[in-house]
Amino acid sequence: MGLDAVVYRKRAHLQLGHDEERAKVIPETGEVYFEDDKLARKYDHQREAVAHRLGNAALIGTVNDEVSQLIGPESFLARKILYSGTHSGDVIPLSDLAELSAELDSIRKTGKGSPYLLDFLSAFEELIQAAKEERNPIVFV
């Protein structure tokens, strides 16, 4: 068990051709899906702009401890992301990306952090960039 996050490609950024009309979108996540299993498999590799395995439950706990020491236990990261190593279904909306980016910058500016924390920061920076480009939220899966 662990924590994984994804940003789905915006429907307009997919090359669906004549299958466009059969594509559906989950409004909360931006995920494009098909009710037809064959079509779902056909486009499965295209639907994600960025996906990251953030870590297993123990590693997320370790990163949470580091983040709490560096920027506090009430940070956005601690409250909304690192509170559990297994919270699939949660979404970070576009409106929260500025606050999240600011916290990542604050951590980077400390010049501290284990290799695990630095990997986590890099993954989240990539997720944030993709979310901005795709205009879709970050989704925990």
N, C-alpha and C. Protein backbone atom coordinates (compact mmCIF):
# COMPACT_ATOMS: atom_id res chain seq x y z
N MET A 1 0.84 -1.17 0.00
CA MET A 1 0.00 0.00 0.00
C MET A 1 0.88 1.24 0.00
N GLY A 2 0.38 2.27 -0.64
CA GLY A 2 1.16 3.48 -0.72
C GLY A 2 0.35 4.61 -1.32
N LEU A 3 1.07 5.65 -1.69
CA LEU A 3 0.42 6.84 -2.21
C LEU A 3 0.90 7.12 -3.63
N ASP A 4 -0.06 7.20 -4.54
CA ASP A 4 0.21 7.49 -5.93
C ASP A 4 -0.62 8.70 -6.34
N ALA A 5 -0.06 9.53 -7.23
CA ALA A 5 -0.78 10.71 -7.69
C ALA A 5 -0.65 10.81 -9.21
N VAL A 6 -1.69 11.38 -9.81
CA VAL A 6 -1.74 11.50 -11.26
C VAL A 6 -2.40 12.82 -11.64
N VAL A 7 -2.02 13.32 -12.80
CA VAL A 7 -2.75 14.41 -13.46
C VAL A 7 -3.17 13.85 -14.80
N TYR A 8 -4.47 13.89 -15.04
CA TYR A 8 -5.00 13.38 -16.30
C TYR A 8 -4.90 14.43 -17.39
N ARG A 9 -4.68 13.94 -18.60
CA ARG A 9 -4.66 14.84 -19.76
C ARG A 9 -6.06 15.39 -20.00
N LYS A 10 -6.09 16.63 -20.36
CA LYS A 10 -7.34 17.27 -20.75
C LYS A 10 -7.85 16.58 -22.02
N ARG A 11 -9.13 16.39 -22.10
CA ARG A 11 -9.74 15.70 -23.25
C ARG A 11 -9.27 16.29 -24.58
N ALA A 12 -9.18 17.60 -24.64
CA ALA A 12 -8.76 18.26 -25.89
C ALA A 12 -7.32 17.93 -26.26
N HIS A 13 -6.52 17.46 -25.31
CA HIS A 13 -5.12 17.15 -25.59
C HIS A 13 -4.90 15.69 -26.01
N LEU A 14 -5.97 14.92 -26.02
CA LEU A 14 -5.87 13.52 -26.44
C LEU A 14 -6.15 13.41 -27.93
N GLN A 15 -5.51 12.48 -28.57
CA GLN A 15 -5.72 12.22 -30.00
C GLN A 15 -6.70 11.06 -30.12
N LEU A 16 -8.00 11.36 -30.04
CA LEU A 16 -9.02 10.31 -30.01
C LEU A 16 -9.64 10.01 -31.37
N GLY A 17 -9.41 10.86 -32.34
CA GLY A 17 -9.94 10.63 -33.68
C GLY A 17 -11.44 10.38 -33.67
N HIS A 18 -11.85 9.34 -34.37
CA HIS A 18 -13.29 9.05 -34.49
C HIS A 18 -13.89 8.51 -33.19
N ASP A 19 -13.06 8.22 -32.19
CA ASP A 19 -13.56 7.74 -30.89
C ASP A 19 -13.92 8.89 -29.94
N GLU A 20 -13.67 10.12 -30.37
CA GLU A 20 -13.94 11.32 -29.55
C GLU A 20 -15.34 11.32 -28.96
N GLU A 21 -16.31 11.00 -29.78
CA GLU A 21 -17.70 11.08 -29.32
C GLU A 21 -18.04 10.03 -28.26
N ARG A 22 -17.23 9.00 -28.13
CA ARG A 22 -17.49 7.95 -27.13
C ARG A 22 -16.76 8.20 -25.82
N ALA A 23 -15.91 9.20 -25.81
CA ALA A 23 -15.15 9.53 -24.60
C ALA A 23 -16.03 10.28 -23.61
N LYS A 24 -15.86 9.95 -22.35
CA LYS A 24 -16.58 10.62 -21.26
C LYS A 24 -15.54 11.20 -20.32
N VAL A 25 -15.93 12.19 -19.53
CA VAL A 25 -15.00 12.84 -18.60
C VAL A 25 -15.62 12.88 -17.21
N ILE A 26 -14.83 12.54 -16.21
CA ILE A 26 -15.24 12.70 -14.82
C ILE A 26 -14.91 14.14 -14.45
N PRO A 27 -15.91 14.98 -14.20
CA PRO A 27 -15.67 16.41 -13.99
C PRO A 27 -14.73 16.73 -12.82
N GLU A 28 -14.81 15.98 -11.74
CA GLU A 28 -14.00 16.27 -10.55
C GLU A 28 -12.51 16.03 -10.75
N THR A 29 -12.17 15.11 -11.64
CA THR A 29 -10.77 14.74 -11.82
C THR A 29 -10.22 15.06 -13.21
N GLY A 30 -11.11 15.25 -14.17
CA GLY A 30 -10.68 15.46 -15.54
C GLY A 30 -10.33 14.17 -16.26
N GLU A 31 -10.54 13.04 -15.60
CA GLU A 31 -10.19 11.76 -16.21
C GLU A 31 -11.12 11.44 -17.37
N VAL A 32 -10.51 11.12 -18.52
CA VAL A 32 -11.25 10.68 -19.69
C VAL A 32 -11.37 9.15 -19.61
N TYR A 33 -12.57 8.65 -19.84
CA TYR A 33 -12.76 7.20 -19.80
C TYR A 33 -13.75 6.78 -20.88
N PHE A 34 -13.78 5.49 -21.10
CA PHE A 34 -14.69 4.90 -22.08
C PHE A 34 -15.44 3.76 -21.40
N GLU A 35 -16.70 3.63 -21.72
CA GLU A 35 -17.47 2.51 -21.18
C GLU A 35 -17.12 1.21 -21.89
N ASP A 36 -16.61 1.30 -23.09
CA ASP A 36 -16.19 0.14 -23.88
C ASP A 36 -14.77 -0.25 -23.44
N ASP A 37 -14.60 -1.47 -22.94
CA ASP A 37 -13.29 -1.92 -22.44
C ASP A 37 -12.20 -1.89 -23.51
N LYS A 38 -12.56 -2.23 -24.74
CA LYS A 38 -11.58 -2.23 -25.82
C LYS A 38 -11.04 -0.82 -26.05
N LEU A 39 -11.92 0.17 -26.08
CA LEU A 39 -11.49 1.55 -26.25
C LEU A 39 -10.70 2.03 -25.02
N ALA A 40 -11.12 1.63 -23.85
CA ALA A 40 -10.40 2.01 -22.63
C ALA A 40 -8.96 1.53 -22.69
N ARG A 41 -8.75 0.29 -23.12
CA ARG A 41 -7.38 -0.24 -23.25
C ARG A 41 -6.61 0.48 -24.34
N LYS A 42 -7.28 0.81 -25.44
CA LYS A 42 -6.64 1.48 -26.57
C LYS A 42 -6.02 2.82 -26.15
N TYR A 43 -6.72 3.56 -25.30
CA TYR A 43 -6.26 4.90 -24.93
C TYR A 43 -5.67 4.98 -23.52
N ASP A 44 -5.54 3.86 -22.86
CA ASP A 44 -5.08 3.86 -21.47
C ASP A 44 -3.73 4.56 -21.31
N HIS A 45 -2.80 4.34 -22.20
CA HIS A 45 -1.46 4.91 -22.09
C HIS A 45 -1.42 6.42 -22.34
N GLN A 46 -2.46 6.97 -22.95
CA GLN A 46 -2.48 8.40 -23.29
C GLN A 46 -3.16 9.27 -22.23
N ARG A 47 -3.96 8.68 -21.37
CA ARG A 47 -4.84 9.46 -20.51
C ARG A 47 -4.13 10.22 -19.40
N GLU A 48 -2.96 9.80 -19.01
CA GLU A 48 -2.24 10.45 -17.92
C GLU A 48 -1.15 11.36 -18.46
N ALA A 49 -1.15 12.61 -17.99
CA ALA A 49 -0.07 13.53 -18.35
C ALA A 49 1.17 13.21 -17.52
N VAL A 50 0.97 13.00 -16.23
CA VAL A 50 2.05 12.67 -15.29
C VAL A 50 1.47 11.77 -14.21
N ALA A 51 2.23 10.77 -13.83
CA ALA A 51 1.85 9.90 -12.71
C ALA A 51 3.10 9.60 -11.89
N HIS A 52 2.95 9.61 -10.57
CA HIS A 52 4.08 9.32 -9.69
C HIS A 52 3.67 8.43 -8.53
N ARG A 53 4.52 7.48 -8.24
CA ARG A 53 4.42 6.72 -7.00
C ARG A 53 5.16 7.57 -5.98
N LEU A 54 4.45 8.09 -5.00
CA LEU A 54 5.06 8.99 -4.03
C LEU A 54 5.73 8.24 -2.89
N GLY A 55 5.32 7.02 -2.66
CA GLY A 55 5.96 6.21 -1.65
C GLY A 55 4.99 5.28 -0.96
N ASN A 56 5.55 4.30 -0.25
CA ASN A 56 4.69 3.43 0.54
C ASN A 56 4.27 4.17 1.80
N ALA A 57 3.38 3.57 2.58
CA ALA A 57 2.82 4.25 3.75
C ALA A 57 3.90 4.67 4.74
N ALA A 58 4.90 3.83 4.95
CA ALA A 58 5.97 4.16 5.89
C ALA A 58 6.81 5.34 5.39
N LEU A 59 7.12 5.34 4.13
CA LEU A 59 7.91 6.44 3.56
C LEU A 59 7.15 7.76 3.62
N ILE A 60 5.85 7.73 3.34
CA ILE A 60 5.04 8.95 3.43
C ILE A 60 5.04 9.46 4.87
N GLY A 61 5.00 8.57 5.84
CA GLY A 61 5.09 8.97 7.25
C GLY A 61 6.41 9.64 7.56
N THR A 62 7.48 9.12 7.02
CA THR A 62 8.81 9.70 7.22
C THR A 62 8.90 11.09 6.59
N VAL A 63 8.39 11.22 5.38
CA VAL A 63 8.38 12.52 4.70
C VAL A 63 7.51 13.50 5.48
N ASN A 64 6.39 13.05 6.00
CA ASN A 64 5.52 13.91 6.81
C ASN A 64 6.27 14.44 8.04
N ASP A 65 7.03 13.58 8.70
CA ASP A 65 7.81 14.01 9.87
C ASP A 65 8.80 15.10 9.47
N GLU A 66 9.48 14.91 8.35
CA GLU A 66 10.45 15.91 7.88
C GLU A 66 9.78 17.23 7.55
N VAL A 67 8.68 17.16 6.81
CA VAL A 67 7.96 18.37 6.42
C VAL A 67 7.46 19.10 7.67
N SER A 68 6.93 18.36 8.62
CA SER A 68 6.42 18.97 9.85
C SER A 68 7.52 19.69 10.62
N GLN A 69 8.72 19.14 10.62
CA GLN A 69 9.85 19.79 11.29
C GLN A 69 10.31 21.04 10.54
N LEU A 70 10.24 21.00 9.21
CA LEU A 70 10.75 22.10 8.41
C LEU A 70 9.76 23.27 8.28
N ILE A 71 8.47 22.97 8.08
CA ILE A 71 7.51 24.06 7.87
C ILE A 71 6.27 23.95 8.76
N GLY A 72 6.24 22.98 9.63
CA GLY A 72 5.16 22.89 10.60
C GLY A 72 4.12 21.82 10.30
N PRO A 73 3.52 21.29 11.36
CA PRO A 73 2.54 20.21 11.20
C PRO A 73 1.19 20.67 10.65
N GLU A 74 0.96 21.97 10.60
CA GLU A 74 -0.31 22.48 10.08
C GLU A 74 -0.18 22.96 8.63
N SER A 75 0.92 22.62 7.99
CA SER A 75 1.13 23.01 6.59
C SER A 75 0.11 22.31 5.69
N PHE A 76 -0.08 22.87 4.51
CA PHE A 76 -0.95 22.26 3.51
C PHE A 76 -0.49 20.84 3.22
N LEU A 77 0.81 20.68 3.03
CA LEU A 77 1.37 19.35 2.74
C LEU A 77 1.00 18.34 3.82
N ALA A 78 1.17 18.72 5.07
CA ALA A 78 0.89 17.80 6.17
C ALA A 78 -0.61 17.50 6.28
N ARG A 79 -1.43 18.52 6.13
CA ARG A 79 -2.87 18.36 6.31
C ARG A 79 -3.58 17.69 5.15
N LYS A 80 -3.14 17.96 3.92
CA LYS A 80 -3.89 17.52 2.73
C LYS A 80 -3.24 16.39 1.94
N ILE A 81 -1.95 16.16 2.18
CA ILE A 81 -1.26 15.16 1.36
C ILE A 81 -0.60 14.08 2.22
N LEU A 82 0.21 14.49 3.17
CA LEU A 82 1.03 13.55 3.92
C LEU A 82 0.36 12.97 5.15
N TYR A 83 -0.88 13.33 5.41
CA TYR A 83 -1.58 12.85 6.60
C TYR A 83 -1.79 11.35 6.59
N SER A 84 -1.73 10.75 5.40
CA SER A 84 -1.91 9.31 5.26
C SER A 84 -1.12 8.83 4.05
N GLY A 85 -0.60 7.65 4.16
CA GLY A 85 0.13 7.06 3.04
C GLY A 85 -0.76 6.32 2.08
N THR A 86 -2.07 6.36 2.32
CA THR A 86 -3.00 5.60 1.48
C THR A 86 -4.35 6.31 1.37
N HIS A 87 -4.41 7.44 0.71
CA HIS A 87 -5.69 8.14 0.58
C HIS A 87 -6.10 8.36 -0.87
N SER A 88 -6.44 7.27 -1.52
CA SER A 88 -6.85 7.39 -2.92
C SER A 88 -8.23 8.04 -3.00
N GLY A 89 -8.45 8.74 -4.12
CA GLY A 89 -9.73 9.40 -4.34
C GLY A 89 -9.71 10.87 -3.99
N ASP A 90 -8.73 11.32 -3.22
CA ASP A 90 -8.63 12.74 -2.89
C ASP A 90 -8.12 13.51 -4.09
N VAL A 91 -8.46 14.80 -4.12
CA VAL A 91 -8.10 15.67 -5.24
C VAL A 91 -7.53 16.98 -4.70
N ILE A 92 -6.48 17.47 -5.34
CA ILE A 92 -5.97 18.81 -5.05
C ILE A 92 -6.41 19.70 -6.21
N PRO A 93 -7.38 20.58 -5.96
CA PRO A 93 -7.89 21.42 -7.04
C PRO A 93 -6.88 22.46 -7.49
N LEU A 94 -7.10 22.99 -8.67
CA LEU A 94 -6.22 24.00 -9.23
C LEU A 94 -6.09 25.21 -8.30
N SER A 95 -7.14 25.53 -7.59
CA SER A 95 -7.13 26.70 -6.71
C SER A 95 -6.15 26.55 -5.54
N ASP A 96 -5.71 25.34 -5.25
CA ASP A 96 -4.76 25.11 -4.15
C ASP A 96 -3.30 25.01 -4.60
N LEU A 97 -3.06 25.07 -5.90
CA LEU A 97 -1.70 24.86 -6.41
C LEU A 97 -0.73 25.96 -5.97
N ALA A 98 -1.18 27.18 -5.88
CA ALA A 98 -0.28 28.27 -5.46
C ALA A 98 0.22 28.05 -4.04
N GLU A 99 -0.68 27.68 -3.14
CA GLU A 99 -0.29 27.42 -1.75
C GLU A 99 0.67 26.24 -1.68
N LEU A 100 0.37 25.19 -2.42
CA LEU A 100 1.22 24.01 -2.44
C LEU A 100 2.61 24.36 -2.99
N SER A 101 2.65 25.10 -4.08
CA SER A 101 3.93 25.51 -4.68
C SER A 101 4.76 26.34 -3.71
N ALA A 102 4.10 27.23 -2.99
CA ALA A 102 4.80 28.07 -2.02
C ALA A 102 5.43 27.23 -0.92
N GLU A 103 4.73 26.21 -0.47
CA GLU A 103 5.30 25.35 0.57
C GLU A 103 6.48 24.54 0.04
N LEU A 104 6.37 24.04 -1.17
CA LEU A 104 7.49 23.31 -1.76
C LEU A 104 8.71 24.22 -1.87
N ASP A 105 8.50 25.46 -2.28
CA ASP A 105 9.59 26.43 -2.37
C ASP A 105 10.20 26.70 -0.99
N SER A 106 9.36 26.82 0.01
CA SER A 106 9.85 27.06 1.38
C SER A 106 10.74 25.92 1.84
N ILE A 107 10.34 24.71 1.55
CA ILE A 107 11.15 23.55 1.94
C ILE A 107 12.47 23.56 1.19
N ARG A 108 12.42 23.80 -0.11
CA ARG A 108 13.65 23.85 -0.91
C ARG A 108 14.61 24.90 -0.38
N LYS A 109 14.08 26.06 0.04
CA LYS A 109 14.92 27.16 0.52
C LYS A 109 15.60 26.85 1.85
N THR A 110 15.11 25.87 2.59
CA THR A 110 15.78 25.51 3.84
C THR A 110 17.12 24.84 3.55
N GLY A 111 17.25 24.26 2.36
CA GLY A 111 18.49 23.56 2.01
C GLY A 111 18.64 22.24 2.74
N LYS A 112 17.55 21.80 3.36
CA LYS A 112 17.58 20.55 4.13
C LYS A 112 16.64 19.55 3.48
N GLY A 113 16.83 18.30 3.85
CA GLY A 113 15.92 17.26 3.38
C GLY A 113 16.65 16.01 2.98
N SER A 114 16.05 14.90 3.34
CA SER A 114 16.59 13.60 2.98
C SER A 114 16.41 13.39 1.47
N PRO A 115 17.10 12.41 0.92
CA PRO A 115 16.87 12.09 -0.50
C PRO A 115 15.40 11.75 -0.78
N TYR A 116 14.72 11.14 0.20
CA TYR A 116 13.31 10.81 0.03
C TYR A 116 12.46 12.07 -0.10
N LEU A 117 12.73 13.05 0.76
CA LEU A 117 11.99 14.30 0.70
C LEU A 117 12.27 15.03 -0.61
N LEU A 118 13.50 15.05 -1.03
CA LEU A 118 13.85 15.73 -2.28
C LEU A 118 13.19 15.07 -3.48
N ASP A 119 13.12 13.73 -3.48
CA ASP A 119 12.41 13.02 -4.55
C ASP A 119 10.92 13.36 -4.53
N PHE A 120 10.35 13.42 -3.33
CA PHE A 120 8.95 13.76 -3.17
C PHE A 120 8.68 15.17 -3.72
N LEU A 121 9.54 16.12 -3.38
CA LEU A 121 9.38 17.49 -3.86
C LEU A 121 9.44 17.55 -5.39
N SER A 122 10.40 16.85 -5.96
CA SER A 122 10.53 16.83 -7.43
C SER A 122 9.29 16.25 -8.09
N ALA A 123 8.77 15.16 -7.52
CA ALA A 123 7.57 14.55 -8.08
C ALA A 123 6.40 15.52 -8.01
N PHE A 124 6.25 16.20 -6.88
CA PHE A 124 5.12 17.12 -6.75
C PHE A 124 5.28 18.35 -7.63
N GLU A 125 6.49 18.81 -7.82
CA GLU A 125 6.71 19.93 -8.74
C GLU A 125 6.29 19.55 -10.15
N GLU A 126 6.58 18.33 -10.54
CA GLU A 126 6.18 17.85 -11.86
C GLU A 126 4.66 17.72 -11.96
N LEU A 127 4.03 17.22 -10.90
CA LEU A 127 2.57 17.11 -10.88
C LEU A 127 1.91 18.49 -10.97
N ILE A 128 2.45 19.46 -10.26
CA ILE A 128 1.90 20.82 -10.28
C ILE A 128 2.02 21.41 -11.68
N GLN A 129 3.17 21.24 -12.30
CA GLN A 129 3.36 21.76 -13.65
C GLN A 129 2.36 21.14 -14.63
N ALA A 130 2.18 19.83 -14.53
CA ALA A 130 1.23 19.16 -15.41
C ALA A 130 -0.20 19.62 -15.14
N ALA A 131 -0.54 19.80 -13.88
CA ALA A 131 -1.89 20.26 -13.52
C ALA A 131 -2.16 21.64 -14.14
N LYS A 132 -1.17 22.50 -14.10
CA LYS A 132 -1.33 23.83 -14.69
C LYS A 132 -1.48 23.74 -16.21
N GLU A 133 -0.67 22.91 -16.84
CA GLU A 133 -0.72 22.77 -18.30
C GLU A 133 -2.01 22.13 -18.77
N GLU A 134 -2.46 21.11 -18.04
CA GLU A 134 -3.67 20.38 -18.44
C GLU A 134 -4.95 21.02 -17.91
N ARG A 135 -4.79 21.93 -16.95
CA ARG A 135 -5.96 22.55 -16.29
C ARG A 135 -6.84 21.49 -15.64
N ASN A 136 -6.17 20.49 -15.05
CA ASN A 136 -6.83 19.41 -14.32
C ASN A 136 -6.19 19.30 -12.93
N PRO A 137 -6.93 18.81 -11.95
CA PRO A 137 -6.39 18.70 -10.60
C PRO A 137 -5.39 17.55 -10.47
N ILE A 138 -4.72 17.52 -9.34
CA ILE A 138 -3.88 16.38 -8.97
C ILE A 138 -4.79 15.40 -8.23
N VAL A 139 -4.73 14.14 -8.65
CA VAL A 139 -5.64 13.12 -8.10
C VAL A 139 -4.80 12.01 -7.47
N PHE A 140 -5.21 11.60 -6.27
CA PHE A 140 -4.54 10.48 -5.61
C PHE A 140 -5.28 9.20 -5.98
N VAL A 141 -4.52 8.24 -6.49
CA VAL A 141 -5.12 6.99 -6.98
C VAL A 141 -4.56 5.78 -6.26
